[in-house]
Amino acid sequence: MIRFSQDSDLPALYALWQEAFEADAREAEYFFSRRLRREYTLVALDEGRVLGMLSMLPISLVVSGKSYPARYVFAVATFRQFRGQGLSSQLLDAAHQYMTVSGEAASVLVPARPSLFDFYGKRGYETRFFIDSLNISSREIPVHPPAAQLASIGAEDYLRLRDGAFGQSSLYVRWDLEALRFFISSLFGAGGALRIVTPQGEAACLYELRDGGARVTELALHGLGWQDAMAAIHGYLGAPAYTLRMPAGTLPGAPTQPFGMIRWLAPAPEMQGGAPYLSIAKD
């Protein structure tokens, strides 16, 4: 049986979350208290016992300036003792049926590991989102421009700068304010959103401090080159090393990696513009 989650499912879902995603207690508690909603979460049950779960968060797909409702599939998980029984496929089928009836245009997801691209490909998804990923030592970053001004910003300002940078992509996965607020606050101070202003232009970034360095999860540029933006970010953070993620084709010489997949549930609109763009995913 598959249905939407109920309050009585929460203890089992919490245990499944920790088993499947190896999340620490603080991270799990924060997600369950701030982001988990019954209307976003499907559960697979047998005689009332939770066997698996799937979350589908609301997103918008922006194509040629027009916005389409869609869902981001996330946290597809099954307890270890029930794996291999097709429960994930059943949950996906139920999610797709619900999305279709609800008028969602598509389902988007980020496979947690490379082998899952094939798994989801067999279930109607196609890889349309790619990223460039570059590891940079602090020694490779030019001196921080003295005229650069950096400041932490909230979700409202970040969304505005993000939309301006990526809204002209042929397919832009747009998170709403609630999602951005959650993402920024869930870093627990070990990261955040920055605005960079220089005489040449401005930029905004999301960053996480991790593994002795910093990951720039997203860099939204407005007239500023990524090298100058990274110089300013390094002057602010002072990390020994960085991992920078950018849209595919942005970073010369950087490896381009498959990142996200989409399954259209309605006829796909005609797409023109830059490469499809998806970021800020739990991966």
Protein backbone atom coordinates (compact mmCIF):
# COMPACT_ATOMS: atom_id res chain seq x y z
CA MET A 1 0.00 0.00 0.00
CA ILE A 2 1.21 3.51 -0.83
CA ARG A 3 -0.30 6.65 0.67
CA PHE A 4 0.72 10.08 1.86
CA SER A 5 2.47 10.13 5.21
CA GLN A 6 0.70 10.65 8.51
CA ASP A 7 1.92 11.87 11.88
CA SER A 8 1.99 8.29 13.15
CA ASP A 9 4.61 7.45 10.49
CA LEU A 10 7.16 9.96 11.78
CA PRO A 11 9.17 7.68 14.11
CA ALA A 12 9.62 5.10 11.34
CA LEU A 13 10.43 7.75 8.74
CA TYR A 14 13.01 9.28 11.06
CA ALA A 15 14.66 5.89 11.56
CA LEU A 16 14.62 5.23 7.80
CA TRP A 17 16.13 8.64 7.10
CA GLN A 18 19.05 8.01 9.43
CA GLU A 19 19.63 4.49 8.10
CA ALA A 20 19.43 5.39 4.41
CA PHE A 21 21.21 8.75 4.40
CA GLU A 22 23.55 8.39 7.39
CA ALA A 23 22.47 11.83 8.56
CA ASP A 24 23.46 13.08 11.97
CA ALA A 25 20.68 13.67 14.46
CA ARG A 26 20.76 17.47 14.15
CA GLU A 27 20.45 17.39 10.36
CA ALA A 28 17.61 14.86 10.45
CA GLU A 29 15.70 16.71 13.16
CA TYR A 30 16.04 19.98 11.29
CA PHE A 31 14.67 18.52 8.06
CA PHE A 32 11.77 16.80 9.82
CA SER A 33 10.82 19.91 11.77
CA ARG A 34 11.23 22.47 8.95
CA ARG A 35 10.81 20.77 5.57
CA LEU A 36 9.03 17.41 5.80
CA ARG A 37 5.33 17.74 5.03
CA ARG A 38 2.71 15.06 4.73
CA GLU A 39 1.53 16.36 1.37
CA TYR A 40 5.07 16.09 -0.01
CA THR A 41 5.83 12.59 1.30
CA LEU A 42 4.68 9.17 0.09
CA VAL A 43 5.18 6.04 2.17
CA ALA A 44 5.05 2.35 1.24
CA LEU A 45 3.50 0.16 3.92
CA ASP A 46 2.72 -3.46 4.66
CA GLU A 47 0.12 -4.10 7.35
CA GLY A 48 0.75 -0.63 8.73
CA ARG A 49 4.52 -0.97 8.85
CA VAL A 50 6.55 1.65 6.96
CA LEU A 51 8.83 0.00 4.38
CA GLY A 52 9.94 2.96 2.28
CA MET A 53 9.42 6.63 1.49
CA LEU A 54 9.67 9.24 -1.25
CA SER A 55 9.58 13.02 -0.98
CA MET A 56 8.50 15.31 -3.82
CA LEU A 57 9.22 18.97 -3.23
CA PRO A 58 7.55 21.71 -5.30
CA ILE A 59 9.68 23.51 -7.89
CA SER A 60 9.07 25.60 -10.99
CA LEU A 61 10.54 24.97 -14.42
CA VAL A 62 11.18 28.21 -16.31
CA VAL A 63 11.26 27.85 -20.10
CA SER A 64 11.41 30.95 -22.33
CA GLY A 65 10.08 33.09 -19.51
CA LYS A 66 7.11 30.81 -18.81
CA SER A 67 6.86 28.93 -15.53
CA TYR A 68 5.61 25.35 -15.23
CA PRO A 69 4.79 23.58 -11.95
CA ALA A 70 6.89 20.49 -11.26
CA ARG A 71 8.28 18.38 -8.44
CA TYR A 72 11.78 17.53 -7.26
CA VAL A 73 11.94 13.88 -6.21
CA PHE A 74 14.12 13.44 -3.18
CA ALA A 75 14.78 10.96 -0.35
CA VAL A 76 13.72 7.80 -2.16
CA ALA A 77 14.57 5.18 0.45
CA THR A 78 13.71 1.66 1.62
CA PHE A 79 14.69 -0.08 4.83
CA ARG A 80 17.55 -2.50 4.16
CA GLN A 81 15.55 -5.62 4.95
CA PHE A 82 12.92 -4.71 2.34
CA ARG A 83 15.18 -3.74 -0.54
CA GLY A 84 15.08 -5.65 -3.82
CA GLN A 85 11.28 -5.89 -3.79
CA GLY A 86 10.60 -3.06 -6.24
CA LEU A 87 9.34 -0.64 -3.61
CA SER A 88 11.26 2.33 -5.02
CA SER A 89 9.72 1.72 -8.44
CA GLN A 90 6.27 1.48 -6.89
CA LEU A 91 6.79 4.74 -5.03
CA LEU A 92 7.97 6.44 -8.23
CA ASP A 93 4.95 5.15 -10.14
CA ALA A 94 2.62 6.47 -7.44
CA ALA A 95 4.41 9.81 -7.42
CA HIS A 96 4.16 10.15 -11.20
CA GLN A 97 0.45 9.33 -11.11
CA TYR A 98 -0.15 11.95 -8.44
CA MET A 99 1.89 14.57 -10.32
CA THR A 100 0.04 13.90 -13.57
CA VAL A 101 -3.37 14.24 -11.93
CA SER A 102 -2.19 17.41 -10.15
CA GLY A 103 -1.08 19.02 -13.42
CA GLU A 104 2.66 18.93 -12.76
CA ALA A 105 4.71 19.28 -15.94
CA ALA A 106 7.63 17.08 -14.94
CA SER A 107 9.55 15.27 -12.24
CA VAL A 108 13.19 16.23 -11.62
CA LEU A 109 15.80 14.44 -9.51
CA VAL A 110 19.53 14.16 -8.80
CA PRO A 111 20.76 10.55 -8.55
CA ALA A 112 22.69 9.98 -5.34
CA ARG A 113 25.37 7.92 -7.09
CA PRO A 114 26.41 7.22 -10.71
CA SER A 115 24.78 3.78 -10.89
CA LEU A 116 21.36 5.33 -10.28
CA PHE A 117 21.41 7.22 -13.58
CA ASP A 118 20.74 3.88 -15.26
CA PHE A 119 18.10 2.95 -12.67
CA TYR A 120 16.13 6.14 -13.25
CA GLY A 121 16.76 6.05 -16.99
CA LYS A 122 14.82 2.79 -17.14
CA ARG A 123 11.95 4.57 -15.43
CA GLY A 124 11.51 7.32 -17.97
CA TYR A 125 14.07 9.88 -16.83
CA GLU A 126 16.64 11.46 -19.12
CA THR A 127 19.87 13.20 -18.14
CA ARG A 128 19.46 16.86 -19.10
CA PHE A 129 21.38 18.69 -16.39
CA PHE A 130 25.18 18.81 -16.34
CA ILE A 131 27.66 20.77 -14.25
CA ASP A 132 31.30 21.79 -14.45
CA SER A 133 33.17 21.04 -11.24
CA LEU A 134 36.60 22.49 -10.50
CA ASN A 135 38.88 21.97 -7.51
CA ILE A 136 40.95 25.08 -6.80
CA SER A 137 43.82 25.53 -4.37
CA SER A 138 44.04 28.88 -2.61
CA ARG A 139 47.46 29.29 -4.27
CA GLU A 140 45.75 29.38 -7.68
CA ILE A 141 43.40 32.22 -6.77
CA PRO A 142 44.44 35.79 -7.57
CA VAL A 143 44.69 38.45 -4.89
CA HIS A 144 41.38 39.68 -3.54
CA PRO A 145 40.38 42.87 -5.41
CA PRO A 146 40.53 45.69 -2.82
CA ALA A 147 37.42 47.33 -4.23
CA ALA A 148 35.26 44.22 -3.77
CA GLN A 149 32.55 44.41 -1.14
CA LEU A 150 31.03 41.24 0.29
CA ALA A 151 28.12 40.75 2.64
CA SER A 152 25.83 37.96 3.75
CA ILE A 153 22.37 38.16 2.20
CA GLY A 154 19.02 36.54 2.84
CA ALA A 155 16.95 34.28 0.65
CA GLU A 156 14.95 37.13 -0.91
CA ASP A 157 18.00 38.93 -2.28
CA TYR A 158 19.64 35.68 -3.28
CA LEU A 159 16.58 34.54 -5.24
CA ARG A 160 16.52 37.83 -7.16
CA LEU A 161 20.18 37.52 -8.15
CA ARG A 162 19.79 33.82 -8.91
CA ASP A 163 16.81 34.40 -11.21
CA GLY A 164 18.71 37.13 -13.03
CA ALA A 165 21.73 34.90 -13.64
CA PHE A 166 20.00 31.66 -14.65
CA GLY A 167 16.52 32.64 -15.79
CA GLN A 168 17.55 32.71 -19.45
CA SER A 169 18.69 29.09 -19.43
CA SER A 170 16.77 26.87 -21.83
CA LEU A 171 15.41 25.05 -18.77
CA TYR A 172 15.83 26.60 -15.33
CA VAL A 173 14.86 24.71 -12.19
CA ARG A 174 13.67 27.44 -9.85
CA TRP A 175 13.45 26.97 -6.10
CA ASP A 176 11.05 29.18 -4.16
CA LEU A 177 11.80 31.32 -1.12
CA GLU A 178 10.83 28.60 1.33
CA ALA A 179 13.34 26.21 -0.22
CA LEU A 180 16.14 28.78 -0.25
CA ARG A 181 15.46 29.82 3.34
CA PHE A 182 15.65 26.20 4.41
CA PHE A 183 18.84 25.51 2.50
CA ILE A 184 20.66 28.54 3.91
CA SER A 185 19.51 27.98 7.49
CA SER A 186 20.27 24.23 7.36
CA LEU A 187 23.98 24.99 6.99
CA PHE A 188 23.97 25.91 10.70
CA GLY A 189 26.40 28.77 10.17
CA ALA A 190 28.92 26.62 8.28
CA GLY A 191 28.02 28.34 5.04
CA GLY A 192 25.51 30.76 3.63
CA ALA A 193 24.71 33.20 0.85
CA LEU A 194 27.03 36.06 -0.14
CA ARG A 195 26.68 39.06 -2.41
CA ILE A 196 29.85 40.34 -4.11
CA VAL A 197 29.93 43.86 -5.54
CA THR A 198 32.86 45.29 -7.54
CA PRO A 199 33.21 48.16 -10.04
CA GLN A 200 33.11 45.54 -12.82
CA GLY A 201 29.87 43.87 -11.74
CA GLU A 202 28.34 41.76 -9.02
CA ALA A 203 27.71 38.14 -8.13
CA ALA A 204 26.06 35.99 -5.51
CA CYS A 205 27.07 32.60 -4.22
CA LEU A 206 26.00 29.83 -1.92
CA TYR A 207 28.86 28.17 -0.07
CA GLU A 208 29.44 25.39 2.42
CA LEU A 209 32.47 24.94 4.67
CA ARG A 210 33.34 21.25 4.60
CA ASP A 211 36.23 18.78 4.65
CA GLY A 212 38.76 21.48 5.53
CA GLY A 213 37.79 23.67 2.58
CA ALA A 214 34.78 25.32 1.00
CA ARG A 215 32.35 24.22 -1.68
CA VAL A 216 30.82 26.99 -3.76
CA THR A 217 27.58 25.23 -4.55
CA GLU A 218 26.37 27.97 -6.86
CA LEU A 219 27.82 31.16 -8.33
CA ALA A 220 25.42 33.59 -9.98
CA LEU A 221 27.35 36.13 -12.08
CA HIS A 222 26.20 39.58 -13.20
CA GLY A 223 28.95 41.15 -15.30
CA LEU A 224 31.70 39.66 -13.15
CA GLY A 225 34.02 36.84 -14.25
CA TRP A 226 34.17 33.71 -12.14
CA GLN A 227 37.90 34.19 -11.43
CA ASP A 228 37.32 37.66 -9.96
CA ALA A 229 34.34 36.38 -8.01
CA MET A 230 36.40 33.52 -6.56
CA ALA A 231 39.18 35.95 -5.63
CA ALA A 232 36.68 38.00 -3.67
CA ILE A 233 35.16 34.90 -2.05
CA HIS A 234 38.60 33.66 -1.02
CA GLY A 235 39.42 37.05 0.47
CA TYR A 236 36.27 36.70 2.58
CA LEU A 237 36.48 33.01 3.55
CA GLY A 238 40.22 32.33 3.48
CA ALA A 239 39.75 28.59 2.92
CA PRO A 240 42.78 26.51 1.84
CA ALA A 241 40.90 24.93 -1.07
CA TYR A 242 37.62 25.26 -2.95
CA THR A 243 35.31 23.19 -5.09
CA LEU A 244 33.40 25.34 -7.55
CA ARG A 245 30.26 24.20 -9.36
CA MET A 246 29.05 26.05 -12.43
CA PRO A 247 26.72 25.41 -15.39
CA ALA A 248 28.12 23.04 -18.00
CA GLY A 249 30.52 24.73 -20.41
CA THR A 250 31.34 27.60 -18.06
CA LEU A 251 34.73 26.53 -16.69
CA PRO A 252 37.29 25.89 -19.46
CA GLY A 253 39.20 22.67 -18.84
CA ALA A 254 36.96 21.54 -16.00
CA PRO A 255 35.31 18.12 -16.28
CA THR A 256 31.63 18.23 -17.14
CA GLN A 257 29.60 15.79 -15.07
CA PRO A 258 26.05 14.48 -15.39
CA PHE A 259 24.06 15.92 -12.51
CA GLY A 260 20.29 15.81 -12.84
CA MET A 261 17.49 14.06 -14.70
CA ILE A 262 13.98 14.91 -15.79
CA ARG A 263 10.88 12.97 -16.73
CA TRP A 264 8.29 15.00 -18.55
CA LEU A 265 4.72 14.22 -17.54
CA ALA A 266 3.24 16.61 -20.11
CA PRO A 267 4.48 17.50 -23.60
CA ALA A 268 7.89 19.14 -23.23
CA PRO A 269 7.88 22.80 -24.30
CA GLU A 270 10.27 24.03 -26.97
CA MET A 271 13.48 25.11 -25.28
CA GLN A 272 15.90 27.80 -26.45
CA GLY A 273 18.78 29.48 -24.65
CA GLY A 274 21.67 28.36 -22.51
CA ALA A 275 22.24 24.90 -21.11
CA PRO A 276 19.53 23.53 -18.76
CA TYR A 277 20.34 24.47 -15.18
CA LEU A 278 19.73 22.72 -11.87
CA SER A 279 21.53 23.33 -8.61
CA ILE A 280 21.08 23.42 -4.82
CA ALA A 281 20.25 19.75 -4.67
CA LYS A 282 20.85 17.32 -1.84
CA ASP A 283 23.51 15.15 -3.47
